Amino acid sequence: MKKLMFQCTAVLLLLVMILCTEGLQAQRWRKNHNKGTNVSVSINQYQNSRYYPVRGQVFYHKPTNLVSLQYRGRPYYYQGGFFYSPLGGNYQIIHPPVGIRVNMLPGGFWSLRMGGLPYYYFNGIFYKQQNKEYEVVKAPIGAQVPALPRDAKVMVIDGEKLYEYNGTFYKEFINPEGQIWYTVEGKHGVLHTPDKPVVTNEQPQTIVTQPQTTLKIGDILNQLPTNVKTIVIDGKKYLVTPENVYLEEFIDGNTLKYKVIGI
């Protein structure tokens, strides 16, 4: 009997030792793993997790479930947050005219309030509710949105990077959760900063021809490599290539450039 009790006690002690060892290993792993907990990848739900067409894109077959619209005597089509204009026998993606109305908001819209009034945002388009419909409206100055359409253009104005989409200017910022968002800074092609001409980033750029594996810390790139992702570390934005080269963007005159800060 005593021998059996001794064996049971030994087994229990062995189990306790195993559990304690695993807990210590897990704690060490969490400690090491959490060294990077202040790094958060800003996932753009409009640009990364799903495919959205861009302005000017032509569909040669009629998209499914199109809703026919008429606005100021012209025909339009609508489906899932995207507006189409007839182009011969085809359908072209357009930015909708202000004032056109739809009876349903697209899935994935973002709700916000400006001046105490509710607005709705989806892929560069702002809406306000009018009775039982939703009317396309001008972008309200100061509105903050989580993402921009993937065909928004980068602008450099007095050394400051902005984004332009259909005459509306946006400035990126990092929200309290460490995510990059965008604020409406101007519309109709006019910023709310007087005497600042708009300069587009369309001048010829030198393309880096050497393989990225040959890059060194401190190298300057004139063009952003493909398939980079954006991360936020301690509230600052960085870009990471598929080869895990870390880049920091900066502005040289009226040109955006990228410095290698980590490999």
Protein backbone atom coordinates (compact mmCIF):
# COMPACT_ATOMS: atom_id res chain seq x y z
CA MET A 1 0.00 0.00 0.00
CA LYS A 2 2.80 2.37 0.93
CA LYS A 3 4.62 1.44 -2.25
CA LEU A 4 1.55 2.32 -4.31
CA MET A 5 1.15 5.69 -2.56
CA PHE A 6 4.83 6.42 -3.18
CA GLN A 7 4.45 5.65 -6.87
CA CYS A 8 1.37 7.89 -7.14
CA THR A 9 3.20 10.74 -5.40
CA ALA A 10 6.18 10.36 -7.75
CA VAL A 11 3.92 10.48 -10.79
CA LEU A 12 2.19 13.61 -9.49
CA LEU A 13 5.53 15.31 -8.84
CA LEU A 14 6.70 14.43 -12.34
CA LEU A 15 3.54 15.91 -13.87
CA VAL A 16 3.99 19.12 -11.85
CA MET A 17 7.59 19.42 -13.05
CA ILE A 18 6.54 18.94 -16.69
CA LEU A 19 3.78 21.55 -16.42
CA CYS A 20 6.10 24.04 -14.76
CA THR A 21 8.74 23.52 -17.45
CA GLU A 22 6.22 24.03 -20.26
CA GLY A 23 4.85 27.14 -18.56
CA LEU A 24 8.36 28.57 -18.20
CA GLN A 25 9.10 27.86 -21.87
CA ALA A 26 5.83 29.48 -22.92
CA GLN A 27 6.60 32.50 -20.76
CA ARG A 28 10.05 32.81 -22.34
CA TRP A 29 8.51 32.48 -25.81
CA ARG A 30 5.94 35.18 -25.04
CA LYS A 31 8.66 37.44 -23.69
CA ASN A 32 10.75 37.05 -26.83
CA HIS A 33 7.75 37.15 -29.16
CA ASN A 34 6.29 40.25 -27.54
CA LYS A 35 9.41 42.22 -28.27
CA GLY A 36 7.59 43.05 -31.49
CA THR A 37 4.13 43.70 -30.09
CA ASN A 38 4.43 47.40 -30.92
CA VAL A 39 4.62 46.41 -34.59
CA SER A 40 1.24 46.25 -36.28
CA VAL A 41 0.60 45.65 -39.96
CA SER A 42 -1.84 48.14 -41.37
CA ILE A 43 -4.16 45.97 -43.46
CA ASN A 44 -6.09 47.95 -45.98
CA GLN A 45 -9.40 46.10 -46.32
CA TYR A 46 -10.21 47.91 -49.55
CA GLN A 47 -6.88 47.28 -51.27
CA ASN A 48 -5.42 44.06 -49.84
CA SER A 49 -8.10 41.64 -48.76
CA ARG A 50 -10.32 41.94 -51.83
CA TYR A 51 -10.16 43.08 -55.44
CA TYR A 52 -11.82 46.36 -56.36
CA PRO A 53 -11.92 47.73 -59.91
CA VAL A 54 -10.58 51.22 -60.62
CA ARG A 55 -11.90 54.18 -62.55
CA GLY A 56 -11.68 53.73 -66.30
CA GLN A 57 -11.69 49.95 -66.13
CA VAL A 58 -13.92 48.49 -68.83
CA PHE A 59 -16.02 45.36 -68.53
CA TYR A 60 -16.83 43.71 -71.84
CA HIS A 61 -19.56 41.57 -70.30
CA LYS A 62 -22.43 42.94 -68.28
CA PRO A 63 -21.68 42.58 -64.53
CA THR A 64 -24.29 40.63 -62.61
CA ASN A 65 -27.07 42.29 -60.63
CA LEU A 66 -26.62 45.73 -62.17
CA VAL A 67 -29.15 48.35 -61.09
CA SER A 68 -30.13 50.89 -63.77
CA LEU A 69 -30.06 54.55 -62.71
CA GLN A 70 -30.94 57.81 -64.40
CA TYR A 71 -29.40 61.10 -63.33
CA ARG A 72 -29.81 64.39 -65.20
CA GLY A 73 -30.90 62.55 -68.29
CA ARG A 74 -27.93 60.20 -68.43
CA PRO A 75 -27.92 56.44 -67.81
CA TYR A 76 -25.77 54.87 -65.13
CA TYR A 77 -25.48 51.47 -63.52
CA TYR A 78 -24.73 50.51 -59.96
CA GLN A 79 -23.70 47.33 -58.22
CA GLY A 80 -22.03 46.71 -54.86
CA GLY A 81 -20.60 50.20 -54.40
CA PHE A 82 -19.38 50.64 -57.98
CA PHE A 83 -20.86 52.89 -60.63
CA TYR A 84 -20.74 52.17 -64.34
CA SER A 85 -21.31 54.26 -67.43
CA PRO A 86 -22.26 52.66 -70.75
CA LEU A 87 -19.42 52.67 -73.26
CA GLY A 88 -20.64 51.33 -76.54
CA GLY A 89 -21.79 47.86 -75.65
CA ASN A 90 -19.46 47.75 -72.64
CA TYR A 91 -19.49 49.05 -69.07
CA GLN A 92 -16.87 51.42 -67.69
CA ILE A 93 -16.15 52.07 -63.99
CA ILE A 94 -16.57 55.77 -63.12
CA HIS A 95 -16.59 58.01 -60.09
CA PRO A 96 -20.29 58.84 -59.64
CA PRO A 97 -21.63 62.37 -60.07
CA VAL A 98 -22.52 64.23 -56.89
CA GLY A 99 -26.26 64.01 -56.33
CA ILE A 100 -26.91 60.56 -57.76
CA ARG A 101 -28.78 58.26 -55.37
CA VAL A 102 -28.88 54.54 -54.65
CA ASN A 103 -31.25 52.59 -52.47
CA MET A 104 -28.61 50.52 -50.64
CA LEU A 105 -25.14 51.07 -49.23
CA PRO A 106 -22.40 48.64 -50.31
CA GLY A 107 -21.13 45.99 -47.97
CA GLY A 108 -18.05 47.10 -46.07
CA PHE A 109 -19.01 50.80 -45.89
CA TRP A 110 -17.58 52.96 -43.10
CA SER A 111 -19.83 55.13 -40.90
CA LEU A 112 -18.68 58.52 -39.59
CA ARG A 113 -20.13 61.75 -38.28
CA MET A 114 -19.16 65.26 -39.36
CA GLY A 115 -20.78 68.34 -37.88
CA GLY A 116 -23.17 66.08 -36.02
CA LEU A 117 -24.43 64.55 -39.28
CA PRO A 118 -23.96 60.94 -40.34
CA TYR A 119 -21.95 60.15 -43.45
CA TYR A 120 -21.04 56.87 -45.08
CA TYR A 121 -17.85 56.09 -46.96
CA PHE A 122 -16.81 53.39 -49.37
CA ASN A 123 -13.80 53.28 -51.68
CA GLY A 124 -13.45 57.04 -52.22
CA ILE A 125 -17.19 57.81 -52.29
CA PHE A 126 -19.11 59.63 -49.55
CA TYR A 127 -22.86 59.24 -49.02
CA LYS A 128 -25.57 60.90 -46.94
CA GLN A 129 -28.99 59.43 -46.34
CA GLN A 130 -31.90 61.18 -48.01
CA ASN A 131 -35.18 59.64 -46.92
CA LYS A 132 -34.85 55.96 -47.88
CA GLU A 133 -32.01 56.52 -50.34
CA TYR A 134 -28.31 57.35 -50.13
CA GLU A 135 -27.00 60.32 -52.07
CA VAL A 136 -23.42 60.74 -53.29
CA VAL A 137 -22.04 63.92 -51.72
CA LYS A 138 -18.84 65.95 -51.70
CA ALA A 139 -16.14 64.80 -49.30
CA PRO A 140 -16.46 66.70 -45.99
CA ILE A 141 -13.26 68.47 -44.93
CA GLY A 142 -11.76 66.78 -41.88
CA ALA A 143 -13.40 63.40 -42.46
CA GLN A 144 -11.21 60.46 -41.45
CA VAL A 145 -11.38 57.21 -43.39
CA PRO A 146 -9.55 53.89 -43.04
CA ALA A 147 -8.50 53.41 -46.66
CA LEU A 148 -8.27 54.99 -50.11
CA PRO A 149 -8.95 53.54 -53.56
CA ARG A 150 -5.93 51.82 -55.01
CA ASP A 151 -5.79 54.27 -57.92
CA ALA A 152 -5.43 57.32 -55.66
CA LYS A 153 -2.41 59.39 -56.80
CA VAL A 154 0.45 60.57 -54.62
CA MET A 155 1.01 64.33 -54.59
CA VAL A 156 3.87 66.31 -53.08
CA ILE A 157 2.94 69.80 -51.89
CA ASP A 158 5.69 71.88 -50.31
CA GLY A 159 7.48 68.72 -49.27
CA GLU A 160 4.39 67.08 -47.81
CA LYS A 161 2.96 63.87 -49.19
CA LEU A 162 -0.74 63.83 -49.97
CA TYR A 163 -3.09 61.60 -51.93
CA GLU A 164 -5.49 62.82 -54.60
CA TYR A 165 -8.59 61.01 -55.71
CA ASN A 166 -11.14 62.60 -58.01
CA GLY A 167 -10.15 66.12 -56.92
CA THR A 168 -10.17 65.33 -53.19
CA PHE A 169 -6.91 65.54 -51.22
CA TYR A 170 -6.13 63.21 -48.34
CA LYS A 171 -3.31 63.19 -45.82
CA GLU A 172 -2.30 59.99 -44.09
CA PHE A 173 -2.07 59.74 -40.32
CA ILE A 174 -1.74 57.01 -37.72
CA ASN A 175 -4.74 56.43 -35.49
CA PRO A 176 -4.52 55.52 -31.77
CA GLU A 177 -4.53 51.82 -32.67
CA GLY A 178 -1.34 52.26 -34.68
CA GLN A 179 -3.11 52.05 -38.04
CA ILE A 180 -2.62 54.39 -40.98
CA TRP A 181 -5.77 56.33 -41.84
CA TYR A 182 -6.49 59.33 -44.07
CA THR A 183 -7.97 62.78 -43.44
CA VAL A 184 -9.73 64.88 -46.09
CA GLU A 185 -7.59 68.01 -46.48
CA GLY A 186 -9.14 69.58 -49.58
CA LYS A 187 -11.54 69.11 -52.46
CA HIS A 188 -12.26 70.37 -55.96
CA GLY A 189 -8.50 70.29 -56.51
CA VAL A 190 -7.97 72.98 -53.84
CA LEU A 191 -6.21 72.47 -50.51
CA HIS A 192 -7.10 74.45 -47.42
CA THR A 193 -3.54 75.75 -47.29
CA PRO A 194 -3.25 79.02 -49.29
CA ASP A 195 -0.48 79.76 -51.77
CA LYS A 196 0.69 76.16 -52.04
CA PRO A 197 0.85 74.93 -55.64
CA VAL A 198 0.13 71.30 -56.33
CA VAL A 199 3.03 69.35 -57.80
CA THR A 200 2.39 65.86 -59.06
CA ASN A 201 4.97 63.14 -58.66
CA GLU A 202 5.12 62.36 -62.38
CA GLN A 203 8.69 63.32 -63.26
CA PRO A 204 10.96 60.55 -64.64
CA GLN A 205 12.42 58.37 -61.92
CA THR A 206 15.57 56.29 -61.83
CA ILE A 207 14.68 52.63 -61.49
CA VAL A 208 16.86 50.57 -59.17
CA THR A 209 18.30 47.82 -61.33
CA GLN A 210 20.43 45.90 -58.83
CA PRO A 211 18.81 42.93 -57.05
CA GLN A 212 17.33 43.84 -53.69
CA THR A 213 19.61 41.29 -52.01
CA THR A 214 22.57 43.59 -52.84
CA LEU A 215 21.08 46.56 -51.03
CA LYS A 216 22.88 47.97 -48.01
CA ILE A 217 21.65 50.02 -45.07
CA GLY A 218 21.68 53.64 -46.13
CA ASP A 219 21.01 52.99 -49.83
CA ILE A 220 18.47 55.32 -51.45
CA LEU A 221 15.82 54.04 -53.85
CA ASN A 222 14.09 56.34 -56.29
CA GLN A 223 11.25 53.89 -56.89
CA LEU A 224 9.32 51.73 -54.47
CA PRO A 225 9.80 47.99 -55.06
CA THR A 226 6.73 45.92 -55.87
CA ASN A 227 4.62 43.97 -53.38
CA VAL A 228 5.74 45.90 -50.31
CA LYS A 229 3.64 45.94 -47.15
CA THR A 230 3.22 48.77 -44.68
CA ILE A 231 3.94 48.36 -40.99
CA VAL A 232 3.76 50.80 -38.08
CA ILE A 233 6.49 50.71 -35.43
CA ASP A 234 6.20 53.05 -32.45
CA GLY A 235 3.75 55.18 -34.42
CA LYS A 236 5.96 55.53 -37.50
CA LYS A 237 5.31 54.05 -40.92
CA TYR A 238 7.78 51.77 -42.65
CA LEU A 239 7.70 49.65 -45.79
CA VAL A 240 8.87 46.05 -45.99
CA THR A 241 9.69 44.21 -49.22
CA PRO A 242 9.04 40.48 -49.73
CA GLU A 243 12.79 40.01 -49.09
CA ASN A 244 12.38 41.64 -45.63
CA VAL A 245 14.21 44.82 -46.59
CA TYR A 246 12.93 47.67 -44.41
CA LEU A 247 12.46 51.05 -46.08
CA GLU A 248 11.65 54.52 -44.79
CA GLU A 249 10.10 56.98 -47.20
CA PHE A 250 11.28 60.57 -47.33
CA ILE A 251 10.90 63.53 -49.61
CA ASP A 252 13.79 64.99 -51.58
CA GLY A 253 12.60 68.29 -53.00
CA ASN A 254 9.28 67.37 -54.57
CA THR A 255 10.17 63.72 -55.01
CA LEU A 256 9.44 60.79 -52.74
CA LYS A 257 12.40 58.53 -52.09
CA TYR A 258 13.04 55.48 -49.93
CA LYS A 259 15.97 54.78 -47.62
CA VAL A 260 17.06 51.29 -46.61
CA ILE A 261 17.09 51.19 -42.80
CA GLY A 262 17.18 47.46 -42.11
CA ILE A 263 17.92 44.17 -43.81
